Amino acid sequence: MKYLKYKQTQSGWWLVLIVVFIIIMVSLSYVMQWGSNPIPFWPAMGINLLFVGIIFLFHSLTIEIDKGRLSAYFGFGLIKRSIALEDIDTSSIEKIKPPFIYGIGLRITPMGVLYNIKRGDAIRLTSKDRKKTFFVGTDDFEGLRSVLISIEKRKDTNGL
């Protein structure tokens, strides 16, 4: 069966700005202490490399439907979560506004593992066996929901 495709990417531009600011501050603190008891070069560079890694991993969040799977991944896809489309219980699809205390990023919450890159709405769905939860922040809840429901309807009309 040929599935519909869907792809939506949310940018974490604010994260990039904050991390670049931190990198500049760490670099400036190293340079300003050059003459008097400076901090060692390698720890300062290590901190900067850590923050560059954070930018690399978390600069965006992409939600994608392709090859029979719904996936959400940060950045270039190193941190990823997915669920097979045939395992999704479409009656469980709900729009949730995660509380402020859940924060952003990859979070373990009472409602499941949350992937989000900014505050706002999220889509939450569960598998038919109720063992797997897919909980991800999105700007396009209605678009994603309608694609998932239309895939379910196509499966029903094709007798699957």
Protein backbone atom coordinates (compact mmCIF):
# COMPACT_ATOMS: atom_id res chain seq x y z
CA MET A 1 0.00 0.00 0.00
CA LYS A 2 1.28 3.43 -0.89
CA TYR A 3 1.14 5.83 2.05
CA LEU A 4 0.62 9.56 2.04
CA LYS A 5 3.72 11.55 2.85
CA TYR A 6 3.94 14.38 5.36
CA LYS A 7 6.85 16.44 6.61
CA GLN A 8 6.94 19.44 8.92
CA THR A 9 10.07 20.99 10.40
CA GLN A 10 10.11 23.43 13.29
CA SER A 11 13.18 25.60 13.71
CA GLY A 12 14.90 26.09 17.04
CA TRP A 13 16.40 29.45 16.05
CA TRP A 14 16.09 30.69 19.63
CA LEU A 15 18.27 27.78 20.83
CA VAL A 16 20.91 28.59 18.25
CA LEU A 17 20.94 32.25 19.39
CA ILE A 18 21.26 31.33 23.07
CA VAL A 19 24.01 28.79 22.46
CA VAL A 20 25.98 31.15 20.19
CA PHE A 21 25.72 33.79 22.94
CA ILE A 22 27.09 31.29 25.50
CA ILE A 23 29.94 30.33 23.17
CA ILE A 24 30.84 34.02 22.74
CA MET A 25 30.72 34.59 26.51
CA VAL A 26 32.94 31.57 27.25
CA SER A 27 35.40 32.67 24.57
CA LEU A 28 35.45 36.25 25.86
CA SER A 29 36.00 35.11 29.44
CA TYR A 30 38.98 33.09 28.25
CA VAL A 31 40.45 35.99 26.26
CA MET A 32 39.87 38.57 29.04
CA GLN A 33 41.78 36.44 31.56
CA TRP A 34 44.76 35.99 29.22
CA GLY A 35 47.21 38.07 31.22
CA SER A 36 46.15 37.23 34.77
CA ASN A 37 45.79 33.63 35.93
CA PRO A 38 43.89 32.48 32.83
CA ILE A 39 41.61 29.49 32.74
CA PRO A 40 43.20 26.68 30.70
CA PHE A 41 42.52 26.66 26.97
CA TRP A 42 41.19 23.08 26.68
CA PRO A 43 38.34 23.35 29.21
CA ALA A 44 37.14 26.55 27.53
CA MET A 45 37.26 24.84 24.12
CA GLY A 46 35.58 21.75 25.58
CA ILE A 47 32.68 23.84 26.83
CA ASN A 48 32.35 25.49 23.42
CA LEU A 49 32.42 22.11 21.66
CA LEU A 50 29.73 20.82 24.02
CA PHE A 51 27.47 23.72 23.05
CA VAL A 52 28.21 23.26 19.33
CA GLY A 53 27.10 19.64 19.81
CA ILE A 54 23.87 20.84 21.40
CA ILE A 55 23.20 23.05 18.37
CA PHE A 56 23.98 20.14 16.05
CA LEU A 57 21.60 17.78 17.87
CA PHE A 58 18.70 20.11 18.68
CA HIS A 59 18.55 22.90 16.06
CA SER A 60 15.21 21.67 14.67
CA LEU A 61 12.40 19.16 15.17
CA THR A 62 10.97 17.32 12.18
CA ILE A 63 7.77 15.28 12.08
CA GLU A 64 7.57 13.00 9.08
CA ILE A 65 5.33 10.30 7.65
CA ASP A 66 7.18 8.11 5.17
CA LYS A 67 7.56 4.41 4.42
CA GLY A 68 4.69 3.43 6.69
CA ARG A 69 6.05 5.16 9.81
CA LEU A 70 5.38 8.35 11.76
CA SER A 71 8.70 9.72 12.99
CA ALA A 72 9.88 12.69 15.00
CA TYR A 73 13.53 13.59 15.16
CA PHE A 74 15.75 16.41 16.36
CA GLY A 75 18.35 18.01 14.11
CA PHE A 76 19.78 15.58 11.59
CA GLY A 77 18.03 12.54 13.03
CA LEU A 78 20.43 11.24 15.65
CA ILE A 79 17.70 11.41 18.32
CA LYS A 80 14.58 9.86 16.83
CA ARG A 81 11.27 8.30 17.82
CA SER A 82 8.89 6.52 15.47
CA ILE A 83 5.80 4.35 15.34
CA ALA A 84 4.40 2.22 12.53
CA LEU A 85 1.26 3.72 10.97
CA GLU A 86 -0.65 0.44 11.26
CA ASP A 87 0.01 0.44 15.02
CA ILE A 88 -1.58 3.86 15.60
CA ASP A 89 -4.98 4.01 17.25
CA THR A 90 -6.44 7.03 15.44
CA SER A 91 -9.19 7.37 18.04
CA SER A 92 -6.46 8.19 20.60
CA ILE A 93 -5.20 11.27 18.74
CA GLU A 94 -5.43 14.28 21.02
CA LYS A 95 -4.23 17.86 21.02
CA ILE A 96 -2.46 18.79 24.23
CA LYS A 97 -0.86 21.99 25.42
CA PRO A 98 1.95 20.69 27.64
CA PRO A 99 2.29 22.56 30.93
CA PHE A 100 5.13 25.07 31.24
CA ILE A 101 6.94 22.84 33.75
CA TYR A 102 7.45 20.16 31.07
CA GLY A 103 9.97 22.47 29.40
CA ILE A 104 11.44 21.93 25.95
CA GLY A 105 13.62 19.28 24.39
CA LEU A 106 13.41 15.59 25.12
CA ARG A 107 11.38 15.19 28.32
CA ILE A 108 9.96 12.29 30.29
CA THR A 109 6.49 13.35 31.45
CA PRO A 110 3.53 11.61 33.08
CA MET A 111 1.85 11.63 29.63
CA GLY A 112 4.81 9.97 27.87
CA VAL A 113 8.14 11.02 26.40
CA LEU A 114 7.74 14.51 24.93
CA TYR A 115 9.72 15.77 21.96
CA ASN A 116 9.34 19.52 21.50
CA ILE A 117 11.45 22.46 20.46
CA LYS A 118 9.20 25.29 21.59
CA ARG A 119 6.17 25.96 23.72
CA GLY A 120 2.79 25.34 22.19
CA ASP A 121 0.53 22.50 21.13
CA ALA A 122 1.50 18.86 20.91
CA ILE A 123 -0.02 15.78 19.35
CA ARG A 124 -0.34 12.71 21.53
CA LEU A 125 -1.38 9.30 20.29
CA THR A 126 -1.03 5.73 21.46
CA SER A 127 -0.57 2.38 19.80
CA LYS A 128 -3.47 -0.04 19.42
CA ASP A 129 -2.02 -2.25 22.16
CA ARG A 130 -1.66 0.83 24.45
CA LYS A 131 2.02 0.07 25.10
CA LYS A 132 3.58 2.87 23.05
CA THR A 133 2.88 6.60 23.26
CA PHE A 134 3.88 9.16 20.65
CA PHE A 135 3.93 12.68 22.13
CA VAL A 136 5.47 15.49 20.07
CA GLY A 137 5.12 19.27 19.80
CA THR A 138 3.74 20.53 16.51
CA ASP A 139 2.65 23.73 14.80
CA ASP A 140 0.35 21.77 12.48
CA PHE A 141 -1.83 19.55 14.66
CA GLU A 142 -4.83 19.61 12.32
CA GLY A 143 -2.75 18.86 9.21
CA LEU A 144 -1.00 15.93 10.85
CA ARG A 145 -4.24 14.61 12.33
CA SER A 146 -6.04 14.77 8.99
CA VAL A 147 -3.20 12.88 7.23
CA LEU A 148 -3.25 10.16 9.90
CA ILE A 149 -7.03 9.82 9.68
CA SER A 150 -6.98 9.75 5.86
CA ILE A 151 -4.37 6.98 5.98
CA GLU A 152 -6.64 5.02 8.34
CA LYS A 153 -9.60 5.55 5.99
CA ARG A 154 -7.53 4.35 3.01
CA LYS A 155 -6.63 1.19 4.93
CA ASP A 156 -10.30 0.60 5.74
CA THR A 157 -11.45 1.06 2.14
CA ASN A 158 -8.71 -1.24 0.84
CA GLY A 159 -9.76 -3.94 3.29
CA LEU A 160 -6.58 -3.94 5.37
